[in-house]
N, C-alpha and C. Protein backbone atom coordinates (compact mmCIF):
# COMPACT_ATOMS: atom_id res chain seq x y z
N MET A 1 25.67 7.59 32.27
CA MET A 1 26.38 7.68 33.63
C MET A 1 27.82 7.32 33.27
N LYS A 2 28.73 8.04 33.89
CA LYS A 2 30.19 7.68 33.69
C LYS A 2 30.69 7.04 34.85
N TYR A 3 31.35 5.93 34.71
CA TYR A 3 32.02 5.15 35.62
C TYR A 3 33.50 5.27 35.40
N SER A 4 34.28 5.20 36.41
CA SER A 4 35.78 5.40 36.42
C SER A 4 36.42 4.21 35.59
N LYS A 5 37.63 4.33 35.10
CA LYS A 5 38.21 3.19 34.49
C LYS A 5 38.42 2.09 35.52
N GLU A 6 38.82 2.48 36.79
CA GLU A 6 39.01 1.32 37.75
C GLU A 6 37.72 0.55 38.01
N GLU A 7 36.51 1.36 38.05
CA GLU A 7 35.30 0.61 38.29
C GLU A 7 34.92 -0.34 37.12
N LYS A 8 35.31 0.08 36.00
CA LYS A 8 34.93 -0.73 34.86
C LYS A 8 35.85 -1.97 34.75
N GLU A 9 37.17 -1.68 35.10
CA GLU A 9 38.18 -2.82 35.13
C GLU A 9 37.73 -3.90 36.26
N THR A 10 37.18 -3.39 37.35
CA THR A 10 36.69 -4.21 38.48
C THR A 10 35.58 -5.12 37.94
N ALA A 11 34.64 -4.45 37.32
CA ALA A 11 33.41 -4.95 36.82
C ALA A 11 33.93 -6.14 35.82
N LYS A 12 34.80 -5.82 34.87
CA LYS A 12 35.21 -6.81 33.89
C LYS A 12 35.80 -7.99 34.52
N GLU A 13 36.68 -7.78 35.52
CA GLU A 13 37.25 -8.88 36.39
C GLU A 13 36.21 -9.72 37.08
N SER A 14 35.12 -9.10 37.47
CA SER A 14 34.15 -9.82 38.17
C SER A 14 33.31 -10.63 37.36
N LEU A 15 33.27 -10.23 36.05
CA LEU A 15 32.56 -11.06 35.00
C LEU A 15 33.47 -12.05 34.21
N SER A 16 34.64 -12.15 34.51
CA SER A 16 35.68 -13.01 34.01
C SER A 16 35.41 -14.47 33.89
N PHE A 17 34.40 -14.90 34.66
CA PHE A 17 33.92 -16.21 34.78
C PHE A 17 33.12 -16.57 33.47
N LEU A 18 32.59 -15.57 32.70
CA LEU A 18 31.87 -15.75 31.63
C LEU A 18 32.69 -16.27 30.48
N LYS A 19 32.30 -17.25 29.76
CA LYS A 19 33.10 -17.72 28.60
C LYS A 19 32.13 -17.81 27.42
N PRO A 20 32.84 -17.91 26.30
CA PRO A 20 31.94 -17.99 25.04
C PRO A 20 31.13 -19.21 25.11
N GLY A 21 29.85 -19.05 24.68
CA GLY A 21 28.77 -20.01 24.78
C GLY A 21 27.97 -20.03 25.91
N ASP A 22 28.43 -19.27 26.96
CA ASP A 22 27.56 -19.10 28.16
C ASP A 22 26.26 -18.44 27.80
N THR A 23 25.12 -18.68 28.52
CA THR A 23 23.90 -18.11 28.24
C THR A 23 23.55 -16.98 29.37
N ILE A 24 23.22 -15.67 28.97
CA ILE A 24 22.82 -14.67 29.88
C ILE A 24 21.33 -14.49 29.65
N TYR A 25 20.57 -14.79 30.80
CA TYR A 25 19.21 -14.77 30.82
C TYR A 25 18.69 -13.22 31.32
N THR A 26 17.71 -12.76 30.58
CA THR A 26 17.31 -11.43 30.92
C THR A 26 15.90 -11.44 31.31
N GLU A 27 15.57 -10.58 32.34
CA GLU A 27 14.13 -10.37 32.85
C GLU A 27 13.88 -8.88 32.60
N LEU A 28 12.72 -8.60 31.94
CA LEU A 28 12.25 -7.37 31.86
C LEU A 28 11.49 -6.82 33.04
N LEU A 29 12.02 -5.85 33.69
CA LEU A 29 11.50 -5.29 34.90
C LEU A 29 10.38 -4.22 34.68
N SER A 30 10.67 -3.47 33.78
CA SER A 30 9.67 -2.34 33.37
C SER A 30 10.03 -1.57 32.08
N VAL A 31 9.12 -0.95 31.50
CA VAL A 31 9.03 -0.28 30.23
C VAL A 31 8.37 1.13 30.57
N SER A 32 9.16 2.14 30.05
CA SER A 32 8.54 3.49 30.34
C SER A 32 7.35 3.62 29.56
N ARG A 33 6.53 4.63 29.96
CA ARG A 33 5.24 4.92 29.27
C ARG A 33 5.45 5.15 27.83
N SER A 34 6.62 5.83 27.44
CA SER A 34 6.73 6.10 25.97
C SER A 34 7.32 4.95 25.26
N GLY A 35 7.75 4.01 26.03
CA GLY A 35 8.35 2.78 25.39
C GLY A 35 9.88 2.94 24.86
N MET A 36 10.41 4.03 25.23
CA MET A 36 11.83 4.31 24.90
C MET A 36 12.86 3.80 25.85
N THR A 37 12.42 3.45 27.13
CA THR A 37 13.32 3.09 28.12
C THR A 37 12.93 1.66 28.69
N ARG A 38 13.80 0.67 28.90
CA ARG A 38 13.57 -0.46 29.60
C ARG A 38 14.50 -0.80 30.68
N HIS A 39 14.08 -1.33 31.78
CA HIS A 39 15.03 -1.80 32.76
C HIS A 39 15.07 -3.29 32.73
N ILE A 40 16.26 -3.82 32.37
CA ILE A 40 16.42 -5.16 32.05
C ILE A 40 17.45 -5.86 33.08
N LYS A 41 16.96 -6.90 33.82
CA LYS A 41 17.96 -7.45 34.76
C LYS A 41 18.74 -8.81 34.15
N PRO A 42 19.97 -8.58 33.97
CA PRO A 42 20.77 -9.82 33.50
C PRO A 42 21.18 -10.79 34.57
N ILE A 43 20.88 -12.07 34.20
CA ILE A 43 21.11 -13.03 35.27
C ILE A 43 21.93 -14.29 34.54
N VAL A 44 22.80 -14.99 35.28
CA VAL A 44 23.43 -16.14 34.89
C VAL A 44 23.04 -17.20 35.89
N ILE A 45 22.94 -18.50 35.43
CA ILE A 45 22.64 -19.57 36.28
C ILE A 45 23.94 -20.23 36.62
N GLU A 46 24.25 -20.39 37.91
CA GLU A 46 25.50 -21.05 38.34
C GLU A 46 24.94 -22.17 39.37
N ASP A 47 25.39 -23.43 39.05
CA ASP A 47 25.06 -24.46 39.97
C ASP A 47 23.67 -24.61 40.33
N GLY A 48 22.76 -24.36 39.25
CA GLY A 48 21.34 -24.36 39.51
C GLY A 48 20.66 -23.11 40.21
N ALA A 49 21.57 -22.10 40.54
CA ALA A 49 20.99 -20.93 41.26
C ALA A 49 21.35 -19.70 40.41
N PRO A 50 20.37 -18.77 40.43
CA PRO A 50 20.53 -17.51 39.72
C PRO A 50 21.56 -16.54 40.37
N ARG A 51 22.33 -15.89 39.47
CA ARG A 51 23.36 -14.94 39.93
C ARG A 51 23.13 -13.62 39.19
N TRP A 52 22.74 -12.53 39.93
CA TRP A 52 22.38 -11.38 39.43
C TRP A 52 23.62 -10.61 39.08
N ILE A 53 23.86 -10.18 37.90
CA ILE A 53 25.12 -9.42 37.41
C ILE A 53 24.89 -8.01 36.99
N GLY A 54 23.65 -7.48 37.22
CA GLY A 54 23.33 -6.13 36.64
C GLY A 54 24.24 -5.07 36.97
N GLY A 55 24.75 -4.97 38.35
CA GLY A 55 25.66 -3.87 38.74
C GLY A 55 26.93 -4.07 37.94
N TYR A 56 27.42 -5.17 37.81
CA TYR A 56 28.75 -5.33 36.97
C TYR A 56 28.49 -5.00 35.47
N VAL A 57 27.40 -5.45 34.86
CA VAL A 57 27.03 -5.13 33.55
C VAL A 57 26.86 -3.65 33.32
N GLY A 58 26.13 -2.98 34.14
CA GLY A 58 25.89 -1.66 34.00
C GLY A 58 27.13 -0.81 34.15
N LYS A 59 28.07 -1.19 34.99
CA LYS A 59 29.38 -0.40 35.02
C LYS A 59 30.21 -0.69 33.74
N LEU A 60 30.19 -1.91 33.43
CA LEU A 60 31.08 -2.24 32.30
C LEU A 60 30.58 -1.53 31.00
N LEU A 61 29.26 -1.42 30.78
CA LEU A 61 28.55 -0.80 29.67
C LEU A 61 28.36 0.65 29.89
N ASP A 62 28.64 1.18 31.03
CA ASP A 62 28.48 2.59 31.26
C ASP A 62 27.01 3.09 31.24
N GLU A 63 26.19 2.12 31.74
CA GLU A 63 24.63 2.35 31.76
C GLU A 63 24.26 2.38 33.32
N ARG A 64 23.21 3.14 33.50
CA ARG A 64 22.59 3.27 34.90
C ARG A 64 22.01 1.82 35.30
N VAL A 65 22.10 1.72 36.60
CA VAL A 65 21.52 0.37 37.11
C VAL A 65 20.49 0.92 38.23
N ASP A 66 19.18 0.30 38.06
CA ASP A 66 18.23 0.68 39.17
C ASP A 66 18.35 -0.09 40.32
N ASP A 67 17.65 0.22 41.30
CA ASP A 67 17.58 -0.34 42.65
C ASP A 67 17.33 -1.85 42.63
N ASN A 68 16.69 -2.40 41.69
CA ASN A 68 16.29 -3.78 41.47
C ASN A 68 17.41 -4.62 40.58
N GLY A 69 18.54 -3.88 40.39
CA GLY A 69 19.54 -4.58 39.61
C GLY A 69 19.25 -4.71 38.05
N GLY A 70 18.36 -3.78 37.64
CA GLY A 70 18.08 -3.72 36.20
C GLY A 70 18.83 -2.72 35.60
N VAL A 71 19.39 -3.11 34.29
CA VAL A 71 20.22 -2.14 33.61
C VAL A 71 19.31 -1.42 32.85
N VAL A 72 19.35 -0.01 32.86
CA VAL A 72 18.53 0.85 32.15
C VAL A 72 18.91 1.13 30.73
N MET A 73 18.16 0.72 29.71
CA MET A 73 18.49 0.56 28.39
C MET A 73 17.56 1.52 27.50
N GLY A 74 18.12 2.48 26.93
CA GLY A 74 17.12 3.31 26.07
C GLY A 74 17.17 2.88 24.66
N GLY A 75 16.05 3.22 24.13
CA GLY A 75 15.89 2.77 22.69
C GLY A 75 14.78 1.85 22.43
N CYS A 76 14.33 1.60 21.24
CA CYS A 76 13.20 0.79 20.94
C CYS A 76 13.29 0.32 19.46
N GLY A 77 12.38 -0.60 18.98
CA GLY A 77 12.45 -1.04 17.76
C GLY A 77 13.21 -2.35 17.50
N MET A 78 13.75 -2.70 18.70
CA MET A 78 14.71 -3.98 18.56
C MET A 78 14.59 -4.82 19.87
N ASP A 79 15.21 -5.98 19.87
CA ASP A 79 15.14 -6.70 21.15
C ASP A 79 16.29 -6.14 22.03
N MET A 80 15.79 -5.42 23.01
CA MET A 80 16.74 -4.63 23.83
C MET A 80 17.44 -5.57 24.82
N GLY A 81 17.00 -6.77 25.19
CA GLY A 81 17.65 -7.75 26.00
C GLY A 81 18.77 -8.40 25.21
N PHE A 82 18.65 -8.71 23.91
CA PHE A 82 19.62 -9.13 23.01
C PHE A 82 20.58 -8.07 22.89
N ALA A 83 20.12 -6.63 22.70
CA ALA A 83 21.27 -5.63 22.64
C ALA A 83 22.14 -5.53 23.74
N LEU A 84 21.51 -5.72 24.90
CA LEU A 84 22.29 -5.76 26.21
C LEU A 84 23.42 -6.83 26.18
N VAL A 85 22.95 -8.03 25.93
CA VAL A 85 23.90 -9.14 25.93
C VAL A 85 24.92 -8.93 24.78
N TYR A 86 24.45 -8.66 23.61
CA TYR A 86 25.52 -8.36 22.50
C TYR A 86 26.51 -7.32 22.95
N ASN A 87 26.06 -6.19 23.55
CA ASN A 87 27.01 -5.16 23.94
C ASN A 87 28.02 -5.74 24.98
N LEU A 88 27.39 -6.39 26.00
CA LEU A 88 28.34 -7.04 27.10
C LEU A 88 29.38 -8.00 26.53
N SER A 89 28.81 -8.84 25.44
CA SER A 89 29.78 -9.91 24.79
C SER A 89 30.78 -9.14 24.04
N SER A 90 30.47 -7.95 23.34
CA SER A 90 31.42 -7.08 22.46
C SER A 90 32.60 -6.71 23.41
N VAL A 91 32.09 -6.18 24.69
CA VAL A 91 33.12 -5.66 25.53
C VAL A 91 34.03 -6.76 26.14
N LEU A 92 33.43 -7.75 26.57
CA LEU A 92 34.21 -8.89 27.19
C LEU A 92 35.04 -9.59 26.24
N PHE A 93 34.67 -9.59 25.02
CA PHE A 93 35.46 -10.45 23.89
C PHE A 93 35.77 -9.54 22.71
N PRO A 94 36.57 -8.49 22.92
CA PRO A 94 36.76 -7.47 21.84
C PRO A 94 37.48 -8.12 20.72
N GLY A 95 38.29 -9.05 20.93
CA GLY A 95 39.08 -9.71 19.79
C GLY A 95 38.45 -10.82 19.07
N GLY A 96 37.13 -10.94 19.46
CA GLY A 96 36.42 -12.25 18.99
C GLY A 96 36.82 -13.51 19.78
N PHE A 97 36.29 -14.58 19.31
CA PHE A 97 36.58 -15.92 20.01
C PHE A 97 36.68 -17.06 19.13
N ASN A 98 37.28 -18.04 19.43
CA ASN A 98 37.45 -19.35 18.60
C ASN A 98 35.98 -20.08 18.58
N CYS A 99 35.77 -20.69 17.45
CA CYS A 99 34.61 -21.34 17.25
C CYS A 99 34.36 -22.47 18.33
N LEU A 100 33.18 -22.67 18.81
CA LEU A 100 32.84 -23.63 19.82
C LEU A 100 32.66 -24.92 19.28
N GLY A 101 32.47 -25.02 17.84
CA GLY A 101 32.22 -26.32 17.14
C GLY A 101 30.75 -26.53 16.92
N GLU A 102 30.41 -27.28 15.99
CA GLU A 102 29.03 -27.63 15.60
C GLU A 102 28.36 -28.26 16.58
N GLY A 103 29.00 -29.20 17.34
CA GLY A 103 28.23 -29.99 18.38
C GLY A 103 27.83 -29.05 19.54
N ASN A 104 28.53 -28.03 19.81
CA ASN A 104 28.15 -27.07 20.73
C ASN A 104 27.39 -25.88 20.29
N HIS A 105 26.96 -25.95 19.05
CA HIS A 105 26.01 -25.06 18.55
C HIS A 105 26.61 -23.70 18.88
N CYS A 106 27.74 -23.35 18.14
CA CYS A 106 28.45 -22.10 18.14
C CYS A 106 27.47 -20.96 17.88
N PRO A 107 27.39 -19.98 18.64
CA PRO A 107 26.43 -18.90 18.33
C PRO A 107 26.83 -17.90 17.42
N ALA A 108 28.06 -18.01 16.87
CA ALA A 108 28.72 -16.92 15.98
C ALA A 108 27.74 -16.64 14.83
N SER A 109 27.65 -15.38 14.36
CA SER A 109 26.85 -14.93 13.32
C SER A 109 27.49 -15.45 11.99
N ASP A 110 28.73 -15.91 12.06
CA ASP A 110 29.51 -16.29 10.85
C ASP A 110 28.68 -17.51 10.24
N HIS A 111 28.16 -18.32 11.06
CA HIS A 111 27.62 -19.56 10.57
C HIS A 111 26.20 -19.45 10.04
N ALA A 112 25.51 -18.31 10.41
CA ALA A 112 24.23 -17.94 9.91
C ALA A 112 24.31 -17.32 8.56
N ASN A 113 25.58 -16.62 8.40
CA ASN A 113 25.91 -15.85 7.24
C ASN A 113 26.65 -16.61 6.29
N GLY A 114 26.66 -17.99 6.19
CA GLY A 114 27.34 -18.75 5.26
C GLY A 114 28.41 -19.53 5.52
N SER A 115 29.30 -19.21 6.66
CA SER A 115 30.45 -19.89 6.92
C SER A 115 30.02 -21.33 7.57
N ARG A 116 30.34 -22.43 7.09
CA ARG A 116 30.04 -23.70 7.65
C ARG A 116 31.29 -24.26 8.43
N ASP A 117 32.39 -23.56 8.49
CA ASP A 117 33.59 -23.97 9.05
C ASP A 117 33.40 -24.01 10.61
N TYR A 118 33.19 -25.21 11.08
CA TYR A 118 32.92 -25.28 12.69
C TYR A 118 34.21 -25.93 13.28
N SER A 119 35.38 -25.70 12.65
CA SER A 119 36.62 -26.30 13.28
C SER A 119 37.01 -25.37 14.50
N LYS A 120 37.44 -26.05 15.48
CA LYS A 120 37.73 -25.25 16.78
C LYS A 120 38.80 -24.21 16.53
N THR A 121 39.59 -24.22 15.49
CA THR A 121 40.53 -23.19 15.35
C THR A 121 40.07 -22.10 14.63
N ALA A 122 38.81 -22.13 13.99
CA ALA A 122 38.31 -21.08 13.24
C ALA A 122 37.92 -19.86 14.03
N PRO A 123 38.57 -18.78 13.91
CA PRO A 123 38.25 -17.56 14.74
C PRO A 123 37.07 -16.82 14.19
N HIS A 124 36.24 -16.15 15.16
CA HIS A 124 35.18 -15.40 14.88
C HIS A 124 35.53 -14.02 15.26
N LYS A 125 35.52 -13.05 14.33
CA LYS A 125 36.11 -11.76 14.63
C LYS A 125 35.37 -10.84 15.52
N SER A 126 33.91 -11.14 15.38
CA SER A 126 33.01 -10.42 16.25
C SER A 126 32.76 -11.03 17.61
N GLY A 127 33.14 -10.50 18.72
CA GLY A 127 32.92 -11.01 20.00
C GLY A 127 31.55 -10.91 20.47
N GLY A 128 30.66 -10.03 19.79
CA GLY A 128 29.30 -9.78 20.12
C GLY A 128 28.43 -10.94 20.32
N TYR A 129 28.75 -12.01 19.48
CA TYR A 129 27.89 -13.24 19.51
C TYR A 129 28.63 -14.39 20.48
N ALA A 130 29.50 -14.04 21.24
CA ALA A 130 30.11 -15.14 22.02
C ALA A 130 29.19 -15.50 23.10
N LEU A 131 28.39 -14.69 23.67
CA LEU A 131 27.45 -15.15 24.67
C LEU A 131 26.05 -15.30 23.94
N ARG A 132 25.30 -16.18 24.60
CA ARG A 132 23.93 -16.45 24.14
C ARG A 132 22.96 -15.63 25.07
N HIS A 133 21.84 -15.36 24.51
CA HIS A 133 20.78 -14.62 25.17
C HIS A 133 19.44 -15.45 25.22
N ARG A 134 18.73 -15.43 26.43
CA ARG A 134 17.44 -16.00 26.62
C ARG A 134 16.58 -15.05 27.55
N TRP A 135 15.41 -14.78 27.12
CA TRP A 135 14.48 -14.21 28.02
C TRP A 135 13.92 -15.05 29.11
N LEU A 136 13.73 -14.67 30.17
CA LEU A 136 12.95 -15.30 31.29
C LEU A 136 11.52 -15.02 31.17
């Protein structure tokens, strides 16, 4: 599905409240019979209440959104909920993000791949790991 540049910019502005280290929860709504397509609803928790962000995420990632707010993800053989959050994070933080620090359990892949520099000024080049993912 192709969304206009304006629609994508509006969606990105609507998701500007997301910061590195925030958790995106995903709910699996359905899987196609072939197993090649999944409908996944992304949710954030704000002030103890769920906030459904599927419409914004779908537009920003140029993916179809079903009537239940699930982003339609094609593919298999990997964690598609993680893929959804990783893709969203990559678009929201294209220049990467600064380390959140060891005490904040920085989600950057750099730490798993050998870098133990948790200083707040250490930049992470990949924005894909800025957001955390959890299944509901």
